[in-house]
N, C-alpha and C. Protein backbone atom coordinates (compact mmCIF):
# COMPACT_ATOMS: atom_id res chain seq x y z
N ALA A 1 185.51 181.93 60.10
CA ALA A 1 185.52 181.30 61.66
C ALA A 1 183.54 181.35 61.67
N SER A 2 182.76 182.55 61.19
CA SER A 2 180.95 182.40 60.88
C SER A 2 180.83 181.21 60.13
N TRP A 3 181.82 180.82 59.08
CA TRP A 3 181.11 179.79 58.18
C TRP A 3 181.47 178.49 58.94
N GLU A 4 182.52 178.82 59.71
CA GLU A 4 182.43 176.87 60.49
C GLU A 4 181.67 177.23 61.86
N ALA A 5 181.25 178.16 62.55
CA ALA A 5 180.42 178.23 63.31
C ALA A 5 178.83 177.67 62.62
N SER A 6 178.57 178.14 61.63
CA SER A 6 177.54 178.05 60.92
C SER A 6 177.56 176.58 60.51
N VAL A 7 178.59 175.88 59.88
CA VAL A 7 178.53 174.27 59.70
C VAL A 7 178.58 173.71 60.97
N ARG A 8 178.96 174.05 62.09
CA ARG A 8 179.11 173.52 63.32
C ARG A 8 177.73 173.57 63.81
N ARG A 9 176.86 174.89 64.01
CA ARG A 9 175.64 174.30 64.32
C ARG A 9 174.84 173.90 63.36
N VAL A 10 175.20 173.65 62.28
CA VAL A 10 174.09 172.66 61.09
C VAL A 10 174.56 170.94 61.67
N TYR A 11 175.49 170.72 61.94
CA TYR A 11 175.93 169.27 62.35
C TYR A 11 175.43 169.45 63.73
N GLU A 12 175.67 170.26 64.99
CA GLU A 12 175.04 170.05 66.03
C GLU A 12 173.33 169.78 66.32
N GLN A 13 172.97 170.21 65.25
CA GLN A 13 171.70 170.34 65.17
C GLN A 13 171.25 168.92 64.47
N GLN A 14 171.93 168.62 63.77
CA GLN A 14 171.97 167.30 62.94
C GLN A 14 171.71 166.19 64.25
N VAL A 15 173.14 166.63 64.67
CA VAL A 15 173.71 165.43 65.69
C VAL A 15 172.49 165.08 67.14
N ARG A 16 171.66 166.36 67.37
CA ARG A 16 170.87 166.74 68.25
C ARG A 16 169.67 165.97 67.52
N ARG A 17 168.97 165.81 66.63
CA ARG A 17 167.93 165.34 66.01
C ARG A 17 168.45 164.03 65.87
N LEU A 18 169.44 163.60 65.28
CA LEU A 18 169.85 162.22 65.33
C LEU A 18 169.87 161.16 66.58
N GLN A 19 170.44 162.52 67.90
CA GLN A 19 170.44 161.65 69.24
C GLN A 19 168.81 161.59 69.77
N ALA A 20 167.90 162.73 69.18
CA ALA A 20 166.34 162.49 69.56
C ALA A 20 166.14 161.21 68.69
N HIS A 21 166.14 160.80 67.69
CA HIS A 21 165.78 159.53 67.08
C HIS A 21 166.38 158.47 67.83
N VAL A 22 167.63 158.38 68.25
CA VAL A 22 167.85 157.26 68.58
C VAL A 22 167.39 156.91 70.26
N ARG A 23 167.26 158.53 70.80
CA ARG A 23 166.34 157.83 72.09
C ARG A 23 164.99 157.47 71.93
N ALA A 24 164.49 158.23 70.83
CA ALA A 24 162.92 157.72 70.58
C ALA A 24 163.08 156.14 70.20
N ALA A 25 164.20 155.83 69.43
CA ALA A 25 164.14 154.23 68.88
C ALA A 25 164.10 153.17 69.95
N ASP A 26 165.54 153.81 70.88
CA ASP A 26 165.65 153.43 72.45
C ASP A 26 164.33 153.06 72.94
N ALA A 27 163.35 154.22 73.15
CA ALA A 27 162.45 153.98 74.08
C ALA A 27 161.26 152.98 73.28
N LYS A 28 161.23 152.64 72.04
CA LYS A 28 160.42 152.45 71.21
C LYS A 28 161.00 150.52 71.44
N ALA A 29 162.12 150.53 71.20
CA ALA A 29 162.98 149.34 71.53
C ALA A 29 162.71 148.65 72.81
N MET A 30 162.68 149.20 73.82
CA MET A 30 162.13 149.18 75.53
C MET A 30 161.03 149.02 75.53
N GLU A 31 159.78 149.43 75.12
CA GLU A 31 158.78 149.52 75.00
C GLU A 31 158.04 147.86 74.18
N LEU A 32 158.79 147.61 73.30
CA LEU A 32 158.52 146.48 72.75
C LEU A 32 159.18 145.28 73.23
N TYR A 33 160.07 145.64 73.69
CA TYR A 33 161.17 144.57 74.86
C TYR A 33 160.06 144.03 75.93
N LEU A 34 159.65 145.27 76.67
CA LEU A 34 158.82 144.83 78.02
C LEU A 34 157.31 144.32 77.34
N ASN A 35 156.76 144.51 75.95
CA ASN A 35 155.77 143.94 75.34
C ASN A 35 155.80 142.43 75.36
N MET A 36 157.26 142.03 74.85
CA MET A 36 157.66 141.14 74.50
C MET A 36 157.69 140.19 75.96
N GLN A 37 158.06 140.74 77.03
CA GLN A 37 158.48 139.87 78.15
C GLN A 37 156.95 139.70 78.80
N ARG A 38 156.24 140.80 78.54
CA ARG A 38 154.97 139.97 79.08
C ARG A 38 154.06 139.58 78.40
N SER A 39 154.22 139.05 76.98
CA SER A 39 153.72 138.51 76.18
C SER A 39 154.23 136.80 76.31
N VAL A 40 155.58 136.89 76.74
CA VAL A 40 156.18 135.56 77.11
C VAL A 40 155.58 134.76 78.76
N ASP A 41 155.73 136.20 79.24
CA ASP A 41 155.11 135.48 80.32
C ASP A 41 153.50 135.10 80.51
N ASN A 42 153.06 135.81 79.82
CA ASN A 42 151.62 135.39 79.66
C ASN A 42 151.64 133.94 79.11
N LEU A 43 152.40 134.12 78.08
CA LEU A 43 152.66 132.58 77.43
C LEU A 43 152.98 131.57 78.18
N ARG A 44 153.83 131.37 78.74
CA ARG A 44 154.15 130.24 80.00
C ARG A 44 152.49 130.27 81.15
N GLN A 45 152.49 131.05 81.63
CA GLN A 45 151.41 131.62 82.15
C GLN A 45 149.97 129.85 81.42
N GLU A 46 149.77 130.77 80.38
CA GLU A 46 148.63 129.77 79.65
C GLU A 46 149.41 128.75 79.66
N GLU A 47 150.52 128.22 79.25
CA GLU A 47 151.17 126.92 79.16
C GLU A 47 151.03 126.17 80.41
N VAL A 48 150.97 127.01 81.52
CA VAL A 48 150.78 126.06 82.73
C VAL A 48 149.30 126.05 83.12
N ALA A 49 148.52 126.65 82.82
CA ALA A 49 147.18 126.55 83.30
C ALA A 49 146.85 125.48 82.10
N LYS A 50 146.85 125.47 80.49
CA LYS A 50 146.93 124.42 79.70
C LYS A 50 147.47 123.11 80.31
N GLN A 51 148.59 122.93 80.70
CA GLN A 51 149.00 121.86 81.50
C GLN A 51 148.41 121.27 82.42
N GLU A 52 147.59 122.52 83.11
CA GLU A 52 146.96 121.95 84.46
C GLU A 52 145.69 121.19 83.83
N LEU A 53 144.88 122.00 82.79
CA LEU A 53 143.55 121.40 82.34
C LEU A 53 143.81 119.89 81.78
N ARG A 54 145.09 119.79 81.13
CA ARG A 54 145.48 118.41 80.45
C ARG A 54 145.41 117.30 81.82
N ASP A 55 146.33 117.75 82.78
CA ASP A 55 146.19 117.17 83.90
C ASP A 55 144.45 116.75 84.41
N ASP A 56 143.97 117.89 84.74
CA ASP A 56 142.75 117.51 85.33
C ASP A 56 141.87 116.58 84.28
N ALA A 57 141.80 117.09 83.05
CA ALA A 57 141.11 115.83 82.25
C ALA A 57 141.62 114.52 82.31
N GLU A 58 142.90 114.29 82.55
CA GLU A 58 143.67 112.67 82.58
C GLU A 58 142.96 112.32 83.80
N THR A 59 142.91 113.14 84.94
CA THR A 59 142.54 112.56 86.29
C THR A 59 141.18 112.32 85.82
N THR A 60 140.42 113.06 85.41
CA THR A 60 138.84 113.02 85.50
C THR A 60 138.60 111.64 84.64
N ARG A 61 139.37 111.54 83.30
CA ARG A 61 139.43 110.22 82.68
C ARG A 61 139.44 108.88 83.50
N ALA A 62 140.97 109.21 84.15
CA ALA A 62 140.79 107.98 85.41
C ALA A 62 139.95 107.52 86.50
N GLN A 63 139.57 108.66 86.54
CA GLN A 63 138.38 108.69 87.84
C GLN A 63 137.16 107.88 87.20
N LEU A 64 136.76 108.38 85.67
CA LEU A 64 135.59 107.69 84.80
C LEU A 64 136.04 106.39 84.67
N ARG A 65 137.27 105.95 84.09
CA ARG A 65 137.41 104.68 84.05
C ARG A 65 137.28 103.69 84.88
N SER A 66 137.41 104.42 86.57
CA SER A 66 137.46 103.48 87.87
C SER A 66 136.03 103.41 87.68
N LEU A 67 135.17 104.58 87.70
CA LEU A 67 133.66 104.25 87.80
C LEU A 67 133.08 103.07 87.12
N GLU A 68 133.51 103.46 85.78
CA GLU A 68 133.59 102.44 84.86
C GLU A 68 133.22 100.43 85.27
N GLU A 69 134.60 100.69 85.76
CA GLU A 69 134.97 99.77 86.33
C GLU A 69 134.24 99.04 87.26
N ASP A 70 133.92 99.83 88.32
CA ASP A 70 133.18 99.84 89.66
C ASP A 70 131.95 99.17 89.07
N MET A 71 131.39 100.20 87.98
CA MET A 71 129.88 99.82 87.73
C MET A 71 129.89 98.70 86.96
N ALA A 72 130.95 98.06 86.19
CA ALA A 72 130.99 96.60 85.67
C ALA A 72 130.83 95.56 86.74
N ALA A 73 131.96 95.84 87.79
CA ALA A 73 131.81 94.78 88.87
C ALA A 73 130.39 94.45 89.52
N THR A 74 129.88 95.96 89.92
CA THR A 74 128.56 95.64 90.34
C THR A 74 127.36 95.52 89.78
N ARG A 75 127.64 95.38 88.41
CA ARG A 75 126.84 94.90 87.61
C ARG A 75 127.00 93.24 87.51
N ARG A 76 128.18 93.01 87.88
CA ARG A 76 128.66 91.52 87.52
C ARG A 76 128.23 90.82 89.20
N ASN A 77 128.20 91.10 90.00
CA ASN A 77 127.84 91.06 91.23
C ASN A 77 126.17 91.08 91.31
N TYR A 78 125.62 92.02 90.61
CA TYR A 78 124.58 92.13 90.81
C TYR A 78 123.78 90.67 90.47
N ASP A 79 124.38 90.50 88.96
CA ASP A 79 123.79 89.47 88.05
C ASP A 79 123.95 87.88 88.72
N THR A 80 124.92 88.11 88.99
CA THR A 80 125.36 86.87 90.18
C THR A 80 124.33 86.31 90.95
N GLN A 81 124.35 87.52 91.94
CA GLN A 81 123.26 87.46 93.18
C GLN A 81 121.93 87.18 92.61
N LEU A 82 121.19 87.91 91.74
CA LEU A 82 120.25 87.51 90.91
C LEU A 82 120.15 86.10 90.64
N ALA A 83 121.15 85.36 89.93
CA ALA A 83 120.98 84.03 89.35
C ALA A 83 120.83 83.03 90.87
N ILE A 84 121.80 83.28 91.57
CA ILE A 84 121.57 82.68 92.94
C ILE A 84 120.14 82.42 93.47
N LEU A 85 119.71 83.86 93.86
CA LEU A 85 118.35 84.15 94.55
C LEU A 85 117.48 83.34 93.73
N THR A 86 117.54 83.38 92.05
CA THR A 86 116.61 82.79 91.34
C THR A 86 116.70 81.52 91.53
N GLU A 87 117.36 80.59 91.50
CA GLU A 87 117.89 79.17 91.74
C GLU A 87 117.13 78.81 93.17
N HIS A 88 117.47 79.65 94.18
CA HIS A 88 117.22 79.03 95.25
C HIS A 88 115.71 79.51 95.61
N SER A 89 114.71 80.63 94.33
CA SER A 89 113.68 80.32 94.53
C SER A 89 113.32 79.35 93.86
N CYS A 90 113.69 78.96 92.80
CA CYS A 90 113.32 77.88 92.34
C CYS A 90 113.24 76.30 92.91
N ALA A 91 114.32 76.29 93.76
CA ALA A 91 114.45 75.11 94.69
C ALA A 91 113.52 75.28 95.68
N LEU A 92 113.08 76.52 96.18
CA LEU A 92 112.34 76.68 97.25
C LEU A 92 110.57 76.44 96.75
N SER A 93 110.39 76.65 95.66
CA SER A 93 109.27 76.46 94.86
C SER A 93 108.65 74.90 94.22
N ALA A 94 110.46 74.06 94.24
CA ALA A 94 110.18 72.83 94.02
C ALA A 94 110.00 72.15 95.29
N THR A 95 110.24 72.99 96.73
CA THR A 95 110.39 72.08 97.58
C THR A 95 108.78 71.78 98.21
N LEU A 96 108.54 73.48 97.86
CA LEU A 96 106.92 73.53 98.40
C LEU A 96 106.24 72.42 97.48
N SER A 97 106.23 72.14 96.35
CA SER A 97 105.49 71.79 95.64
C SER A 97 105.42 70.23 95.95
N ASP A 98 106.40 70.04 96.20
CA ASP A 98 106.62 68.41 96.82
C ASP A 98 106.01 68.11 98.12
N LYS A 99 106.07 69.15 99.24
CA LYS A 99 105.35 68.87 100.40
C LYS A 99 103.71 69.00 100.23
N ASP A 100 103.53 70.26 99.18
CA ASP A 100 102.41 70.11 98.85
C ASP A 100 101.66 68.66 98.46
N GLU A 101 102.74 68.32 97.43
CA GLU A 101 101.92 66.64 96.93
C GLU A 101 101.99 65.80 98.09
N ARG A 102 103.09 65.84 98.84
CA ARG A 102 102.83 64.85 100.22
C ARG A 102 101.86 65.02 101.42
N LEU A 103 101.83 66.17 101.31
CA LEU A 103 100.43 66.89 102.06
C LEU A 103 99.10 66.34 101.66
N ALA A 104 98.75 66.41 100.30
CA ALA A 104 97.41 66.16 99.46
C ALA A 104 97.59 64.63 99.74
N ALA A 105 98.68 63.89 99.47
CA ALA A 105 98.39 62.33 99.78
C ALA A 105 98.27 62.10 101.21
N VAL A 106 98.50 62.56 102.20
CA VAL A 106 98.33 62.32 103.45
C VAL A 106 96.99 62.82 104.02
N GLN A 107 96.54 63.58 103.18
CA GLN A 107 95.22 63.80 103.43
C GLN A 107 94.07 63.10 102.95
N ALA A 108 94.69 62.52 101.86
CA ALA A 108 93.69 61.61 100.99
C ALA A 108 93.48 60.47 101.57
N GLN A 109 94.63 60.27 102.69
CA GLN A 109 94.30 58.84 102.86
C GLN A 109 93.04 58.43 103.66
N LYS A 110 92.74 57.24 104.44
CA LYS A 110 91.55 57.04 105.10
C LYS A 110 91.95 56.42 106.32
N VAL A 111 91.21 57.05 107.28
CA VAL A 111 91.24 56.08 108.84
C VAL A 111 89.68 55.63 108.84
N LEU A 112 90.33 54.17 109.51
CA LEU A 112 88.65 53.36 109.92
C LEU A 112 88.89 53.80 111.59
N CYS A 113 87.41 54.29 111.86
CA CYS A 113 86.89 54.24 113.00
C CYS A 113 86.55 52.79 113.88
N GLY A 114 87.56 52.70 114.93
CA GLY A 114 87.17 52.02 115.59
C GLY A 114 85.60 51.48 116.32
N ARG A 115 85.07 52.41 116.40
CA ARG A 115 83.73 52.39 117.00
C ARG A 115 82.78 51.88 115.86
N CYS A 116 82.53 52.56 115.08
CA CYS A 116 81.35 52.16 114.16
C CYS A 116 81.81 51.72 112.75
N GLY A 117 83.18 51.56 112.35
CA GLY A 117 83.71 51.02 111.21
C GLY A 117 83.67 51.90 110.06
N MET A 118 83.41 52.79 110.18
CA MET A 118 83.40 53.98 109.16
C MET A 118 84.58 54.37 108.49
N TRP A 119 85.04 54.56 107.27
CA TRP A 119 86.40 55.29 106.98
C TRP A 119 85.88 56.59 106.80
N ASN A 120 87.17 57.28 107.56
CA ASN A 120 87.40 58.64 107.45
C ASN A 120 88.39 59.33 106.50
N ASN A 121 88.06 60.45 105.79
CA ASN A 121 89.14 60.98 105.26
C ASN A 121 89.84 61.46 105.95
N MET A 122 91.21 61.65 105.79
CA MET A 122 92.28 62.17 106.93
C MET A 122 92.29 63.68 106.78
N GLY A 123 92.28 64.32 105.58
CA GLY A 123 91.81 65.65 105.43
C GLY A 123 90.82 66.26 106.29
N LYS A 124 89.61 65.62 106.24
CA LYS A 124 88.77 66.22 107.17
C LYS A 124 88.67 65.75 108.72
N LEU A 125 89.60 64.55 109.00
CA LEU A 125 90.00 64.67 110.45
C LEU A 125 90.74 65.36 110.75
N LEU A 126 91.88 66.29 110.02
CA LEU A 126 92.71 67.04 110.53
C LEU A 126 92.20 68.45 110.37
N SER A 127 91.03 68.69 109.93
CA SER A 127 90.60 70.14 109.76
C SER A 127 89.96 70.78 110.83
N ASP A 128 89.61 71.99 111.10
CA ASP A 128 88.87 72.94 112.33
C ASP A 128 87.59 72.12 112.27
N GLU A 129 86.79 71.49 111.50
CA GLU A 129 85.43 71.26 111.48
C GLU A 129 85.14 69.78 112.19
N GLY A 130 86.42 69.02 111.69
CA GLY A 130 86.33 67.48 111.75
C GLY A 130 86.87 67.47 113.13
N ARG A 131 88.08 68.46 113.93
CA ARG A 131 88.69 67.82 115.19
C ARG A 131 88.80 66.47 115.33
N GLY A 132 89.33 65.89 114.63
CA GLY A 132 89.54 64.20 114.73
C GLY A 132 88.90 63.37 115.39
N THR A 133 87.30 63.89 115.01
CA THR A 133 86.37 63.05 115.25
C THR A 133 85.61 62.20 113.87
N CYS A 134 85.14 60.68 114.34
CA CYS A 134 84.31 60.24 113.14
C CYS A 134 83.35 61.04 112.73
N GLN A 135 83.07 61.12 110.93
CA GLN A 135 81.95 61.93 110.96
C GLN A 135 80.53 61.39 111.18
N THR A 136 80.76 59.94 111.38
CA THR A 136 79.35 59.45 111.60
C THR A 136 79.01 59.30 113.09
N CYS A 137 80.06 58.57 113.80
CA CYS A 137 79.65 58.66 115.04
C CYS A 137 80.18 59.53 116.17
N LYS A 138 80.83 60.42 115.89
CA LYS A 138 81.35 61.70 116.26
C LYS A 138 82.76 61.09 117.52
N GLU A 139 83.07 59.86 117.62
CA GLU A 139 83.58 59.26 118.27
C GLU A 139 85.11 59.70 117.65
N LYS A 140 85.92 60.12 118.85
CA LYS A 140 87.63 60.23 118.67
C LYS A 140 88.24 59.32 117.86
N VAL A 141 88.81 59.61 116.69
CA VAL A 141 89.43 58.66 116.22
C VAL A 141 91.11 59.09 115.88
N ILE A 142 91.14 60.42 115.94
CA ILE A 142 93.13 60.42 116.04
C ILE A 142 92.84 61.92 116.87
N SER A 143 94.15 61.91 117.39
CA SER A 143 93.97 63.17 118.36
C SER A 143 95.14 64.30 117.85
N ARG A 144 94.64 65.55 117.63
CA ARG A 144 95.66 66.44 117.01
C ARG A 144 96.42 67.05 118.06
N GLY A 145 97.38 67.31 117.73
CA GLY A 145 98.62 67.84 118.26
C GLY A 145 98.79 69.25 118.21
């Protein structure tokens, strides 16, 4: 019986050692499982953050495209308005040149003084110094309105 007790103690020690190894392996497996779960959770969070960044980037690209389209439209409108303004400025310049020519033609005309028979230049008659009077006899030739 003592031999059986001795063998029994050896097997019980062996069983306890194996049970300790099983518990240690279970603890290690549990630790690895928890680490794996944390890593999976972190990976999911990173994927969510990555998708949010992609969405933000796409939104930013869309805003950029919209701004570029707005800038192009603004530039086209600006160019159109500039062309219209240039045309208008040229037309006004031509009108002013025409009026200057007509005014010069009117001022170059001569008016006969009824009193002394002298021909007076219309430009001088209309000027502030001429005041509508004949340069020779100082009689009123035209009245200024």
